[in-house]
PDB file of N, CA and C in Angstrom:
ATOM      1  N   UNK A   1      99.827  -6.994  94.256  1.00  0.00           N
ATOM      2  CA  UNK A   1     100.340  -7.682  95.556  1.00  0.00           C
ATOM      3  C   UNK A   1      98.920  -8.748  95.549  1.00  0.00           C
ATOM      4  N   UNK A   2      99.368 -10.049  95.910  1.00  0.00           N
ATOM      5  CA  UNK A   2      97.987 -11.058  96.306  1.00  0.00           C
ATOM      6  C   UNK A   2      97.616 -10.781  97.659  1.00  0.00           C
ATOM      7  N   UNK A   3      96.532 -11.423  97.876  1.00  0.00           N
ATOM      8  CA  UNK A   3      95.902 -11.500  99.096  1.00  0.00           C
ATOM      9  C   UNK A   3      96.971 -12.151  99.864  1.00  0.00           C
ATOM     10  N   UNK A   4      97.070 -11.989 101.178  1.00  0.00           N
ATOM     11  CA  UNK A   4      97.692 -12.831 102.056  1.00  0.00           C
ATOM     12  C   UNK A   4      96.943 -13.265 103.483  1.00  0.00           C
ATOM     13  N   UNK A   5      97.361 -14.230 103.412  1.00  0.00           N
ATOM     14  CA  UNK A   5      96.434 -15.382 105.047  1.00  0.00           C
ATOM     15  C   UNK A   5      96.292 -14.135 105.984  1.00  0.00           C
ATOM     16  N   UNK A   6      94.987 -14.321 106.372  1.00  0.00           N
ATOM     17  CA  UNK A   6      94.761 -13.538 107.482  1.00  0.00           C
ATOM     18  C   UNK A   6      95.644 -13.862 109.120  1.00  0.00           C
ATOM     19  N   UNK A   7      95.966 -15.131 108.838  1.00  0.00           N
ATOM     20  CA  UNK A   7      96.877 -15.207 110.285  1.00  0.00           C
ATOM     21  C   UNK A   7      98.374 -15.080 109.595  1.00  0.00           C
ATOM     22  N   UNK A   8      99.129 -14.192 108.466  1.00  0.00           N
ATOM     23  CA  UNK A   8     100.204 -14.660 108.379  1.00  0.00           C
ATOM     24  C   UNK A   8     101.231 -13.941 108.960  1.00  0.00           C
ATOM     25  N   UNK A   9     102.298 -14.832 109.013  1.00  0.00           N
ATOM     26  CA  UNK A   9     103.183 -14.248 110.194  1.00  0.00           C
ATOM     27  C   UNK A   9     104.280 -13.422 109.510  1.00  0.00           C
ATOM     28  N   UNK A  10     104.078 -12.938 108.419  1.00  0.00           N
ATOM     29  CA  UNK A  10     104.784 -12.003 107.662  1.00  0.00           C
ATOM     30  C   UNK A  10     103.949 -10.540 107.589  1.00  0.00           C
ATOM     31  N   UNK A  11     104.294  -9.377 108.211  1.00  0.00           N
ATOM     32  CA  UNK A  11     103.863  -8.194 107.898  1.00  0.00           C
ATOM     33  C   UNK A  11     104.520  -7.149 108.116  1.00  0.00           C
ATOM     34  N   UNK A  12     104.202  -5.849 107.751  1.00  0.00           N
ATOM     35  CA  UNK A  12     104.813  -4.340 108.309  1.00  0.00           C
ATOM     36  C   UNK A  12     104.175  -4.172 108.695  1.00  0.00           C
ATOM     37  N   UNK A  13     104.511  -3.367 110.016  1.00  0.00           N
ATOM     38  CA  UNK A  13     103.883  -2.761 111.262  1.00  0.00           C
ATOM     39  C   UNK A  13     104.442  -1.175 111.354  1.00  0.00           C
ATOM     40  N   UNK A  14     103.577  -0.655 111.354  1.00  0.00           N
ATOM     41  CA  UNK A  14     103.737   1.059 111.808  1.00  0.00           C
ATOM     42  C   UNK A  14     102.935   1.852 112.364  1.00  0.00           C
ATOM     43  N   UNK A  15     103.023   3.142 112.826  1.00  0.00           N
ATOM     44  CA  UNK A  15     102.171   3.908 113.671  1.00  0.00           C
ATOM     45  C   UNK A  15     102.101   5.043 112.601  1.00  0.00           C
ATOM     46  N   UNK A  16     100.274   5.728 112.562  1.00  0.00           N
ATOM     47  CA  UNK A  16     100.278   6.877 111.833  1.00  0.00           C
ATOM     48  C   UNK A  16      99.425   8.064 112.773  1.00  0.00           C
ATOM     49  N   UNK A  17      99.759   9.062 112.808  1.00  0.00           N
ATOM     50  CA  UNK A  17      99.134  10.139 113.584  1.00  0.00           C
ATOM     51  C   UNK A  17      98.398  10.761 112.528  1.00  0.00           C
ATOM     52  N   UNK A  18      97.134  10.987 113.364  1.00  0.00           N
ATOM     53  CA  UNK A  18      95.740  11.737 112.457  1.00  0.00           C
ATOM     54  C   UNK A  18      95.617  12.997 113.124  1.00  0.00           C
ATOM     55  N   UNK A  19      95.188  14.008 112.443  1.00  0.00           N
ATOM     56  CA  UNK A  19      94.611  15.139 113.492  1.00  0.00           C
ATOM     57  C   UNK A  19      92.868  15.102 113.476  1.00  0.00           C
ATOM     58  N   UNK A  20      92.594  14.154 114.167  1.00  0.00           N
ATOM     59  CA  UNK A  20      91.324  13.558 114.354  1.00  0.00           C
ATOM     60  C   UNK A  20      90.923  12.948 115.798  1.00  0.00           C
ATOM     61  N   UNK A  21      89.997  13.371 116.271  1.00  0.00           N
ATOM     62  CA  UNK A  21      89.216  12.767 117.620  1.00  0.00           C
ATOM     63  C   UNK A  21      89.377  11.332 117.000  1.00  0.00           C
ATOM     64  N   UNK A  22      88.847  10.565 118.270  1.00  0.00           N
ATOM     65  CA  UNK A  22      88.697   9.367 117.588  1.00  0.00           C
ATOM     66  C   UNK A  22      87.210   9.071 117.419  1.00  0.00           C
ATOM     67  N   UNK A  23      86.466   9.884 117.936  1.00  0.00           N
ATOM     68  CA  UNK A  23      85.170   9.690 117.427  1.00  0.00           C
ATOM     69  C   UNK A  23      84.904  10.327 115.883  1.00  0.00           C
ATOM     70  N   UNK A  24      85.811  11.317 115.538  1.00  0.00           N
ATOM     71  CA  UNK A  24      85.902  11.705 114.087  1.00  0.00           C
ATOM     72  C   UNK A  24      85.868  10.643 113.143  1.00  0.00           C
ATOM     73  N   UNK A  25      87.167   9.892 113.764  1.00  0.00           N
ATOM     74  CA  UNK A  25      87.766   8.776 113.204  1.00  0.00           C
ATOM     75  C   UNK A  25      87.246   7.549 112.788  1.00  0.00           C
ATOM     76  N   UNK A  26      86.152   7.796 112.231  1.00  0.00           N
ATOM     77  CA  UNK A  26      84.759   6.751 112.167  1.00  0.00           C
ATOM     78  C   UNK A  26      84.989   5.659 111.136  1.00  0.00           C
ATOM     79  N   UNK A  27      84.205   4.881 110.706  1.00  0.00           N
ATOM     80  CA  UNK A  27      84.274   3.823 109.734  1.00  0.00           C
ATOM     81  C   UNK A  27      84.415   4.590 108.620  1.00  0.00           C
ATOM     82  N   UNK A  28      84.051   5.425 107.978  1.00  0.00           N
ATOM     83  CA  UNK A  28      84.227   6.032 106.984  1.00  0.00           C
ATOM     84  C   UNK A  28      85.613   6.375 106.689  1.00  0.00           C
ATOM     85  N   UNK A  29      86.220   7.170 107.561  1.00  0.00           N
ATOM     86  CA  UNK A  29      87.722   7.644 107.439  1.00  0.00           C
ATOM     87  C   UNK A  29      88.687   6.757 107.740  1.00  0.00           C
ATOM     88  N   UNK A  30      88.025   5.551 108.338  1.00  0.00           N
ATOM     89  CA  UNK A  30      88.997   4.358 108.458  1.00  0.00           C
ATOM     90  C   UNK A  30      89.109   3.428 107.170  1.00  0.00           C
ATOM     91  N   UNK A  31      87.844   3.487 106.773  1.00  0.00           N
ATOM     92  CA  UNK A  31      88.155   3.144 105.081  1.00  0.00           C
ATOM     93  C   UNK A  31      88.804   3.366 104.052  1.00  0.00           C
ATOM     94  N   UNK A  32      88.690   4.720 104.324  1.00  0.00           N
ATOM     95  CA  UNK A  32      89.524   5.828 103.306  1.00  0.00           C
ATOM     96  C   UNK A  32      91.294   5.604 103.408  1.00  0.00           C
ATOM     97  N   UNK A  33      91.064   5.486 104.807  1.00  0.00           N
ATOM     98  CA  UNK A  33      92.429   5.352 105.553  1.00  0.00           C
ATOM     99  C   UNK A  33      93.231   4.007 104.950  1.00  0.00           C
ATOM    100  N   UNK A  34      92.504   2.966 104.974  1.00  0.00           N
ATOM    101  CA  UNK A  34      92.820   1.514 104.347  1.00  0.00           C
ATOM    102  C   UNK A  34      93.277   1.692 103.059  1.00  0.00           C
ATOM    103  N   UNK A  35      92.380   2.578 102.184  1.00  0.00           N
ATOM    104  CA  UNK A  35      92.770   2.274 100.773  1.00  0.00           C
ATOM    105  C   UNK A  35      94.043   3.068 100.529  1.00  0.00           C
ATOM    106  N   UNK A  36      93.997   4.096 101.512  1.00  0.00           N
ATOM    107  CA  UNK A  36      95.046   5.119 100.634  1.00  0.00           C
ATOM    108  C   UNK A  36      96.512   4.164 101.238  1.00  0.00           C
ATOM    109  N   UNK A  37      96.819   3.513 102.574  1.00  0.00           N
ATOM    110  CA  UNK A  37      97.921   2.813 102.757  1.00  0.00           C
ATOM    111  C   UNK A  37      98.145   1.547 101.896  1.00  0.00           C
ATOM    112  N   UNK A  38      96.904   1.121 101.155  1.00  0.00           N
ATOM    113  CA  UNK A  38      96.934  -0.187 100.402  1.00  0.00           C
ATOM    114  C   UNK A  38      97.370   0.520  99.071  1.00  0.00           C
ATOM    115  N   UNK A  39      97.020   1.518  98.880  1.00  0.00           N
ATOM    116  CA  UNK A  39      97.534   2.140  97.223  1.00  0.00           C
ATOM    117  C   UNK A  39      99.308   2.716  97.561  1.00  0.00           C
ATOM    118  N   UNK A  40      99.444   3.391  98.751  1.00  0.00           N
ATOM    119  CA  UNK A  40     100.832   3.914  99.005  1.00  0.00           C
ATOM    120  C   UNK A  40     101.752   2.572  99.156  1.00  0.00           C
ATOM    121  N   UNK A  41     101.425   1.304  99.755  1.00  0.00           N
ATOM    122  CA  UNK A  41     102.284   0.142  99.808  1.00  0.00           C
ATOM    123  C   UNK A  41     102.127  -0.877  98.663  1.00  0.00           C
ATOM    124  N   UNK A  42     101.161  -0.691  97.639  1.00  0.00           N
ATOM    125  CA  UNK A  42     101.201  -1.519  96.413  1.00  0.00           C
ATOM    126  C   UNK A  42     100.729  -2.836  96.553  1.00  0.00           C
ATOM    127  N   UNK A  43      99.819  -2.766  97.801  1.00  0.00           N
ATOM    128  CA  UNK A  43      99.121  -3.701  97.994  1.00  0.00           C
ATOM    129  C   UNK A  43      97.228  -3.705  97.932  1.00  0.00           C
ATOM    130  N   UNK A  44      96.603  -4.866  98.156  1.00  0.00           N
ATOM    131  CA  UNK A  44      95.340  -4.601  97.980  1.00  0.00           C
ATOM    132  C   UNK A  44      94.896  -4.189  99.767  1.00  0.00           C
ATOM    133  N   UNK A  45      93.716  -3.806  99.686  1.00  0.00           N
ATOM    134  CA  UNK A  45      93.196  -3.089 100.869  1.00  0.00           C
ATOM    135  C   UNK A  45      92.915  -4.224 101.676  1.00  0.00           C
ATOM    136  N   UNK A  46      92.573  -5.618 101.401  1.00  0.00           N
ATOM    137  CA  UNK A  46      92.208  -6.712 102.419  1.00  0.00           C
ATOM    138  C   UNK A  46      93.595  -6.927 103.071  1.00  0.00           C
ATOM    139  N   UNK A  47      94.743  -6.166 102.550  1.00  0.00           N
ATOM    140  CA  UNK A  47      95.991  -6.731 103.444  1.00  0.00           C
ATOM    141  C   UNK A  47      96.107  -5.904 104.438  1.00  0.00           C
ATOM    142  N   UNK A  48      95.480  -4.444 104.493  1.00  0.00           N
ATOM    143  CA  UNK A  48      95.901  -4.012 105.513  1.00  0.00           C
ATOM    144  C   UNK A  48      94.590  -3.781 106.650  1.00  0.00           C
ATOM    145  N   UNK A  49      95.173  -3.719 107.955  1.00  0.00           N
ATOM    146  CA  UNK A  49      94.596  -4.086 108.869  1.00  0.00           C
ATOM    147  C   UNK A  49      94.842  -3.007 109.974  1.00  0.00           C
ATOM    148  N   UNK A  50      93.644  -2.337 110.477  1.00  0.00           N
ATOM    149  CA  UNK A  50      93.922  -1.411 111.777  1.00  0.00           C
ATOM    150  C   UNK A  50      94.192  -2.391 113.114  1.00  0.00           C
ATOM    151  N   UNK A  51      95.262  -2.163 113.512  1.00  0.00           N
ATOM    152  CA  UNK A  51      95.020  -2.879 114.693  1.00  0.00           C
ATOM    153  C   UNK A  51      95.078  -2.094 115.685  1.00  0.00           C
ATOM    154  N   UNK A  52      95.007  -0.658 116.123  1.00  0.00           N
ATOM    155  CA  UNK A  52      94.234   0.005 117.343  1.00  0.00           C
ATOM    156  C   UNK A  52      94.269   1.609 116.813  1.00  0.00           C
ATOM    157  N   UNK A  53      93.514   2.009 117.406  1.00  0.00           N
ATOM    158  CA  UNK A  53      93.049   3.681 117.617  1.00  0.00           C
ATOM    159  C   UNK A  53      93.146   4.016 119.039  1.00  0.00           C
ATOM    160  N   UNK A  54      94.337   4.764 119.165  1.00  0.00           N
ATOM    161  CA  UNK A  54      94.374   5.370 120.450  1.00  0.00           C
ATOM    162  C   UNK A  54      94.506   7.173 120.159  1.00  0.00           C
ATOM    163  N   UNK A  55      93.478   7.431 121.213  1.00  0.00           N
ATOM    164  CA  UNK A  55      93.662   8.939 121.417  1.00  0.00           C
ATOM    165  C   UNK A  55      94.468   9.477 122.165  1.00  0.00           C
ATOM    166  N   UNK A  56      94.770  10.840 121.877  1.00  0.00           N
ATOM    167  CA  UNK A  56      95.816  11.920 122.641  1.00  0.00           C
ATOM    168  C   UNK A  56      95.343  12.829 122.761  1.00  0.00           C
ATOM    169  N   UNK A  57      94.906  13.628 123.340  1.00  0.00           N
ATOM    170  CA  UNK A  57      94.036  15.337 123.645  1.00  0.00           C
ATOM    171  C   UNK A  57      95.325  16.238 123.346  1.00  0.00           C
ATOM    172  N   UNK A  58      94.771  17.072 122.276  1.00  0.00           N
ATOM    173  CA  UNK A  58      95.740  18.341 122.236  1.00  0.00           C
ATOM    174  C   UNK A  58      94.926  19.450 122.929  1.00  0.00           C
ATOM    175  N   UNK A  59      95.708  20.795 122.947  1.00  0.00           N
ATOM    176  CA  UNK A  59      95.241  21.893 123.466  1.00  0.00           C
ATOM    177  C   UNK A  59      93.774  22.085 123.033  1.00  0.00           C
ATOM    178  N   UNK A  60      93.489  22.063 121.345  1.00  0.00           N
ATOM    179  CA  UNK A  60      92.342  22.287 121.159  1.00  0.00           C
ATOM    180  C   UNK A  60      91.868  21.379 119.763  1.00  0.00           C
ATOM    181  N   UNK A  61      91.321  20.102 120.616  1.00  0.00           N
ATOM    182  CA  UNK A  61      91.058  18.971 119.464  1.00  0.00           C
ATOM    183  C   UNK A  61      92.173  17.769 120.014  1.00  0.00           C
ATOM    184  N   UNK A  62      91.971  16.852 119.125  1.00  0.00           N
ATOM    185  CA  UNK A  62      92.695  15.781 119.299  1.00  0.00           C
ATOM    186  C   UNK A  62      93.236  15.052 118.034  1.00  0.00           C
ATOM    187  N   UNK A  63      94.281  13.890 118.405  1.00  0.00           N
ATOM    188  CA  UNK A  63      95.053  13.358 117.979  1.00  0.00           C
ATOM    189  C   UNK A  63      94.590  11.631 117.717  1.00  0.00           C
ATOM    190  N   UNK A  64      94.702  11.446 116.865  1.00  0.00           N
ATOM    191  CA  UNK A  64      94.793   9.363 116.951  1.00  0.00           C
ATOM    192  C   UNK A  64      95.839   9.106 116.406  1.00  0.00           C
ATOM    193  N   UNK A  65      96.119   7.868 117.428  1.00  0.00           N
ATOM    194  CA  UNK A  65      97.294   7.493 116.877  1.00  0.00           C
ATOM    195  C   UNK A  65      96.932   5.836 116.086  1.00  0.00           C
ATOM    196  N   UNK A  66      97.119   5.427 115.051  1.00  0.00           N
ATOM    197  CA  UNK A  66      96.786   4.625 114.134  1.00  0.00           C
ATOM    198  C   UNK A  66      97.419   3.353 113.901  1.00  0.00           C
ATOM    199  N   UNK A  67      97.594   2.368 114.427  1.00  0.00           N
ATOM    200  CA  UNK A  67      98.605   1.392 114.829  1.00  0.00           C
ATOM    201  C   UNK A  67      98.102   0.164 113.300  1.00  0.00           C
ATOM    202  N   UNK A  68      99.317   0.241 112.343  1.00  0.00           N
ATOM    203  CA  UNK A  68      98.704  -0.391 111.252  1.00  0.00           C
ATOM    204  C   UNK A  68      99.487  -1.507 110.987  1.00  0.00           C
ATOM    205  N   UNK A  69      99.078  -2.420 110.420  1.00  0.00           N
ATOM    206  CA  UNK A  69      99.765  -3.784 110.262  1.00  0.00           C
ATOM    207  C   UNK A  69      99.232  -4.079 108.559  1.00  0.00           C
ATOM    208  N   UNK A  70     100.195  -4.110 107.744  1.00  0.00           N
ATOM    209  CA  UNK A  70     100.097  -4.860 106.296  1.00  0.00           C
ATOM    210  C   UNK A  70     100.347  -5.882 105.994  1.00  0.00           C
ATOM    211  N   UNK A  71      99.564  -7.027 105.870  1.00  0.00           N
ATOM    212  CA  UNK A  71     100.120  -8.617 105.527  1.00  0.00           C
ATOM    213  C   UNK A  71     100.778  -8.747 104.358  1.00  0.00           C
ATOM    214  N   UNK A  72     101.669  -9.630 104.625  1.00  0.00           N
ATOM    215  CA  UNK A  72     102.166 -10.265 103.241  1.00  0.00           C
ATOM    216  C   UNK A  72     101.974 -11.540 103.342  1.00  0.00           C
ATOM    217  N   UNK A  73     102.642 -12.219 102.073  1.00  0.00           N
ATOM    218  CA  UNK A  73     102.455 -13.632 101.827  1.00  0.00           C
ATOM    219  C   UNK A  73     103.645 -14.326 102.204  1.00  0.00           C
ATOM    220  N   UNK A  74     104.965 -13.631 102.409  1.00  0.00           N
ATOM    221  CA  UNK A  74     106.510 -14.140 102.701  1.00  0.00           C
ATOM    222  C   UNK A  74     107.164 -12.678 102.864  1.00  0.00           C
ATOM    223  N   UNK A  75     108.606 -13.243 103.224  1.00  0.00           N
ATOM    224  CA  UNK A  75     109.519 -12.019 103.742  1.00  0.00           C
ATOM    225  C   UNK A  75     109.545 -11.377 102.695  1.00  0.00           C
ATOM    226  N   UNK A  76     109.998 -11.618 101.596  1.00  0.00           N
ATOM    227  CA  UNK A  76     110.325 -11.049 100.062  1.00  0.00           C
ATOM    228  C   UNK A  76     109.016 -10.328 100.068  1.00  0.00           C
ATOM    229  N   UNK A  77     108.014 -10.257 100.168  1.00  0.00           N
ATOM    230  CA  UNK A  77     106.677  -9.405  99.893  1.00  0.00           C
ATOM    231  C   UNK A  77     106.832  -8.425 100.726  1.00  0.00           C
ATOM    232  N   UNK A  78     107.007  -8.699 102.404  1.00  0.00           N
ATOM    233  CA  UNK A  78     107.586  -7.491 103.533  1.00  0.00           C
ATOM    234  C   UNK A  78     108.479  -6.583 102.673  1.00  0.00           C
ATOM    235  N   UNK A  79     109.258  -7.111 102.191  1.00  0.00           N
ATOM    236  CA  UNK A  79     110.630  -6.461 102.009  1.00  0.00           C
ATOM    237  C   UNK A  79     110.316  -5.564 101.110  1.00  0.00           C
ATOM    238  N   UNK A  80     109.455  -5.919  99.913  1.00  0.00           N
ATOM    239  CA  UNK A  80     109.150  -5.438  98.801  1.00  0.00           C
ATOM    240  C   UNK A  80     107.905  -4.012  99.260  1.00  0.00           C
ATOM    241  N   UNK A  81     107.620  -4.341 100.300  1.00  0.00           N
ATOM    242  CA  UNK A  81     106.083  -2.943 100.718  1.00  0.00           C
ATOM    243  C   UNK A  81     107.400  -2.414 101.565  1.00  0.00           C
ATOM    244  N   UNK A  82     108.364  -2.685 101.797  1.00  0.00           N
ATOM    245  CA  UNK A  82     108.889  -1.925 103.027  1.00  0.00           C
ATOM    246  C   UNK A  82     109.850  -0.621 102.042  1.00  0.00           C
ATOM    247  N   UNK A  83     110.452  -1.465 101.202  1.00  0.00           N
ATOM    248  CA  UNK A  83     110.843  -0.799  99.740  1.00  0.00           C
ATOM    249  C   UNK A  83     110.241   0.194  99.313  1.00  0.00           C
ATOM    250  N   UNK A  84     109.008  -0.163  99.073  1.00  0.00           N
ATOM    251  CA  UNK A  84     107.830   0.673  98.218  1.00  0.00           C
ATOM    252  C   UNK A  84     107.560   2.034  99.227  1.00  0.00           C
ATOM    253  N   UNK A  85     107.165   1.716 100.850  1.00  0.00           N
ATOM    254  CA  UNK A  85     107.007   2.736 101.513  1.00  0.00           C
ATOM    255  C   UNK A  85     108.381   3.687 101.969  1.00  0.00           C
ATOM    256  N   UNK A  86     109.194   3.219 102.001  1.00  0.00           N
ATOM    257  CA  UNK A  86     110.519   4.019 102.008  1.00  0.00           C
ATOM    258  C   UNK A  86     110.425   4.395 103.790  1.00  0.00           C
ATOM    259  N   UNK A  87     111.243   5.188 104.219  1.00  0.00           N
ATOM    260  CA  UNK A  87     111.584   5.522 105.549  1.00  0.00           C
ATOM    261  C   UNK A  87     111.570   7.010 105.982  1.00  0.00           C
ATOM    262  N   UNK A  88     111.246   7.259 107.262  1.00  0.00           N
ATOM    263  CA  UNK A  88     111.320   8.613 107.663  1.00  0.00           C
ATOM    264  C   UNK A  88     110.485   9.382 106.693  1.00  0.00           C
ATOM    265  N   UNK A  89     111.092  10.567 106.466  1.00  0.00           N
ATOM    266  CA  UNK A  89     110.693  11.585 105.626  1.00  0.00           C
ATOM    267  C   UNK A  89     109.915  10.993 104.164  1.00  0.00           C
ATOM    268  N   UNK A  90     110.425  10.505 103.746  1.00  0.00           N
ATOM    269  CA  UNK A  90     110.098   9.709 102.533  1.00  0.00           C
ATOM    270  C   UNK A  90     108.556   8.947 102.759  1.00  0.00           C
ATOM    271  N   UNK A  91     108.974   7.988 103.596  1.00  0.00           N
ATOM    272  CA  UNK A  91     107.379   7.523 103.926  1.00  0.00           C
ATOM    273  C   UNK A  91     106.174   8.418 104.406  1.00  0.00           C
ATOM    274  N   UNK A  92     106.480   9.584 105.320  1.00  0.00           N
ATOM    275  CA  UNK A  92     105.980  10.402 105.950  1.00  0.00           C
ATOM    276  C   UNK A  92     105.048  11.279 104.402  1.00  0.00           C
ATOM    277  N   UNK A  93     105.576  11.779 103.654  1.00  0.00           N
ATOM    278  CA  UNK A  93     105.345  12.223 102.348  1.00  0.00           C
ATOM    279  C   UNK A  93     104.778  11.455 101.422  1.00  0.00           C
ATOM    280  N   UNK A  94     105.295  10.106 101.255  1.00  0.00           N
ATOM    281  CA  UNK A  94     104.017   9.180 100.484  1.00  0.00           C
ATOM    282  C   UNK A  94     102.802   9.021 101.146  1.00  0.00           C
ATOM    283  N   UNK A  95     102.781   8.870 102.402  1.00  0.00           N
ATOM    284  CA  UNK A  95     101.357   8.644 103.494  1.00  0.00           C
ATOM    285  C   UNK A  95     100.603   9.907 102.978  1.00  0.00           C
ATOM    286  N   UNK A  96     101.097  11.078 103.545  1.00  0.00           N
ATOM    287  CA  UNK A  96     100.624  12.289 103.460  1.00  0.00           C
ATOM    288  C   UNK A  96     100.131  12.297 102.084  1.00  0.00           C
ATOM    289  N   UNK A  97     100.675  12.449 100.539  1.00  0.00           N
ATOM    290  CA  UNK A  97     100.018  12.223  99.514  1.00  0.00           C
ATOM    291  C   UNK A  97      98.702  11.077  99.049  1.00  0.00           C
ATOM    292  N   UNK A  98      99.112  10.010  99.527  1.00  0.00           N
ATOM    293  CA  UNK A  98      98.107   8.678  99.632  1.00  0.00           C
ATOM    294  C   UNK A  98      96.612   9.391 100.452  1.00  0.00           C
ATOM    295  N   UNK A  99      96.946   9.890 101.451  1.00  0.00           N
ATOM    296  CA  UNK A  99      95.802  10.258 102.074  1.00  0.00           C
ATOM    297  C   UNK A  99      95.158  11.389 101.869  1.00  0.00           C
ATOM    298  N   UNK A 100      95.792  12.474 101.317  1.00  0.00           N
ATOM    299  CA  UNK A 100      95.206  13.538 100.921  1.00  0.00           C
ATOM    300  C   UNK A 100      94.395  13.195  99.752  1.00  0.00           C
ATOM    301  N   UNK A 101      94.730  12.308  98.624  1.00  0.00           N
ATOM    302  CA  UNK A 101      94.216  11.878  97.831  1.00  0.00           C
ATOM    303  C   UNK A 101      92.929  10.886  97.950  1.00  0.00           C
ATOM    304  N   UNK A 102      92.824  10.563  98.889  1.00  0.00           N
ATOM    305  CA  UNK A 102      91.478   9.687  99.766  1.00  0.00           C
ATOM    306  C   UNK A 102      90.410  11.085 100.202  1.00  0.00           C
TER     307      UNK A 102
END
């Protein structure tokens, strides 16, 4: 998939929860996360944006919610990304596999 404009009005947005504290989810892990998401979506890493990272504490450790946006050039490209990623359990399994590979 081609590089989408930074100000593109076309994108796919979703949130992923990860078993890290905000401090643990530093620049290195963020970079690997972006690569994994790009590979899972069939796009280039430059189209993946981490919009925000918020932390929620658990009993032992934390989790982060990573709000993510994949920019596309047009509506049909957004549809293609959605189709590639899937929904529900299929999306979860695809992302887990891509993240594990990183």
